[in-house]
Amino acid sequence: MFEPFLMHFILNTLPPEYEPFKISYNTRKDKWSINELMTMCVQEEKTLVMEMSENALMTTACGKNKATKS
């Protein structure tokens, strides 16, 4: 398969959480190779996982604060 097709396919199959990542890729003048794209996807996934765990901690902490205020 041709690399441009694969790049397009990979980007279009990413979940909605990757929308800022896709926008960032599409606004760049330089395009990545497939290996670079995969590396960047892994980095983005790690960032998303960290953000989700931080949100879960904040939600848990906020829930505890509300419970003690009642």
C-alpha atoms as a PDB file:
ATOM      1  CA  MET A   1       0.000   0.000   0.000  1.00  0.00           C
ATOM      2  CA  PHE A   2       1.063   3.562  -0.527  1.00  0.00           C
ATOM      3  CA  GLU A   3       2.240   5.510   2.500  1.00  0.00           C
ATOM      4  CA  PRO A   4      -0.133   8.491   2.003  1.00  0.00           C
ATOM      5  CA  PHE A   5      -3.101   6.108   2.016  1.00  0.00           C
ATOM      6  CA  LEU A   6      -1.880   4.414   5.194  1.00  0.00           C
ATOM      7  CA  MET A   7      -1.331   7.771   6.896  1.00  0.00           C
ATOM      8  CA  HIS A   8      -4.843   8.861   5.967  1.00  0.00           C
ATOM      9  CA  PHE A   9      -6.299   5.541   7.126  1.00  0.00           C
ATOM     10  CA  ILE A  10      -4.462   5.614  10.467  1.00  0.00           C
ATOM     11  CA  LEU A  11      -5.509   9.183  11.218  1.00  0.00           C
ATOM     12  CA  ASN A  12      -9.139   8.512  10.291  1.00  0.00           C
ATOM     13  CA  THR A  13      -9.383   5.442  12.515  1.00  0.00           C
ATOM     14  CA  LEU A  14      -8.173   7.197  15.665  1.00  0.00           C
ATOM     15  CA  PRO A  15     -10.839   7.698  18.344  1.00  0.00           C
ATOM     16  CA  PRO A  16     -12.408  11.152  18.924  1.00  0.00           C
ATOM     17  CA  GLU A  17     -10.031  11.844  21.838  1.00  0.00           C
ATOM     18  CA  TYR A  18      -7.264  12.227  19.249  1.00  0.00           C
ATOM     19  CA  GLU A  19      -8.983  15.102  17.424  1.00  0.00           C
ATOM     20  CA  PRO A  20      -6.487  17.757  18.666  1.00  0.00           C
ATOM     21  CA  PHE A  21      -3.661  15.425  17.617  1.00  0.00           C
ATOM     22  CA  LYS A  22      -5.140  15.060  14.122  1.00  0.00           C
ATOM     23  CA  ILE A  23      -5.596  18.816  13.795  1.00  0.00           C
ATOM     24  CA  SER A  24      -2.000  19.343  14.848  1.00  0.00           C
ATOM     25  CA  TYR A  25      -0.783  16.855  12.255  1.00  0.00           C
ATOM     26  CA  ASN A  26      -2.880  18.373   9.482  1.00  0.00           C
ATOM     27  CA  THR A  27      -1.666  21.911  10.180  1.00  0.00           C
ATOM     28  CA  ARG A  28       2.023  20.985   9.992  1.00  0.00           C
ATOM     29  CA  LYS A  29       3.949  21.710   6.834  1.00  0.00           C
ATOM     30  CA  ASP A  30       6.271  18.762   7.360  1.00  0.00           C
ATOM     31  CA  LYS A  31       4.629  15.354   7.282  1.00  0.00           C
ATOM     32  CA  TRP A  32       5.752  12.395   9.347  1.00  0.00           C
ATOM     33  CA  SER A  33       6.694   8.938   8.160  1.00  0.00           C
ATOM     34  CA  ILE A  34       4.527   6.063   9.332  1.00  0.00           C
ATOM     35  CA  ASN A  35       7.078   5.217  12.027  1.00  0.00           C
ATOM     36  CA  GLU A  36       7.057   8.815  13.253  1.00  0.00           C
ATOM     37  CA  LEU A  37       3.256   8.842  13.221  1.00  0.00           C
ATOM     38  CA  MET A  38       3.098   5.651  15.267  1.00  0.00           C
ATOM     39  CA  THR A  39       5.624   7.053  17.758  1.00  0.00           C
ATOM     40  CA  MET A  40       3.615  10.260  18.094  1.00  0.00           C
ATOM     41  CA  CYS A  41       0.389   8.254  18.547  1.00  0.00           C
ATOM     42  CA  VAL A  42       1.982   6.294  21.392  1.00  0.00           C
ATOM     43  CA  GLN A  43       3.119   9.542  23.040  1.00  0.00           C
ATOM     44  CA  GLU A  44      -0.361  11.022  22.612  1.00  0.00           C
ATOM     45  CA  GLU A  45      -1.920   7.913  24.127  1.00  0.00           C
ATOM     46  CA  LYS A  46       0.331   8.224  27.187  1.00  0.00           C
ATOM     47  CA  THR A  47      -0.701  11.870  27.535  1.00  0.00           C
ATOM     48  CA  LEU A  48      -4.397  10.985  27.261  1.00  0.00           C
ATOM     49  CA  VAL A  49      -4.051   8.220  29.870  1.00  0.00           C
ATOM     50  CA  MET A  50      -2.346  10.620  32.278  1.00  0.00           C
ATOM     51  CA  GLU A  51      -5.054  13.251  31.713  1.00  0.00           C
ATOM     52  CA  MET A  52      -7.808  10.680  32.297  1.00  0.00           C
ATOM     53  CA  SER A  53      -6.234   9.498  35.541  1.00  0.00           C
ATOM     54  CA  GLU A  54      -5.823  13.106  36.715  1.00  0.00           C
ATOM     55  CA  ASN A  55      -9.491  13.781  35.903  1.00  0.00           C
ATOM     56  CA  ALA A  56     -10.514  10.642  37.782  1.00  0.00           C
ATOM     57  CA  LEU A  57      -8.523  11.770  40.823  1.00  0.00           C
ATOM     58  CA  MET A  58     -10.064  15.240  40.709  1.00  0.00           C
ATOM     59  CA  THR A  59     -13.562  13.777  40.356  1.00  0.00           C
ATOM     60  CA  THR A  60     -12.947  11.434  43.292  1.00  0.00           C
ATOM     61  CA  ALA A  61     -11.539  14.263  45.417  1.00  0.00           C
ATOM     62  CA  CYS A  62     -14.456  16.565  44.549  1.00  0.00           C
ATOM     63  CA  GLY A  63     -16.934  13.816  45.366  1.00  0.00           C
ATOM     64  CA  LYS A  64     -15.325  13.306  48.775  1.00  0.00           C
ATOM     65  CA  ASN A  65     -15.434  17.058  49.489  1.00  0.00           C
ATOM     66  CA  LYS A  66     -19.149  17.216  48.633  1.00  0.00           C
ATOM     67  CA  ALA A  67     -19.861  14.206  50.828  1.00  0.00           C
ATOM     68  CA  THR A  68     -18.150  15.774  53.857  1.00  0.00           C
ATOM     69  CA  LYS A  69     -19.925  19.136  53.382  1.00  0.00           C
ATOM     70  CA  SER A  70     -23.393  17.574  53.641  1.00  0.00           C
END
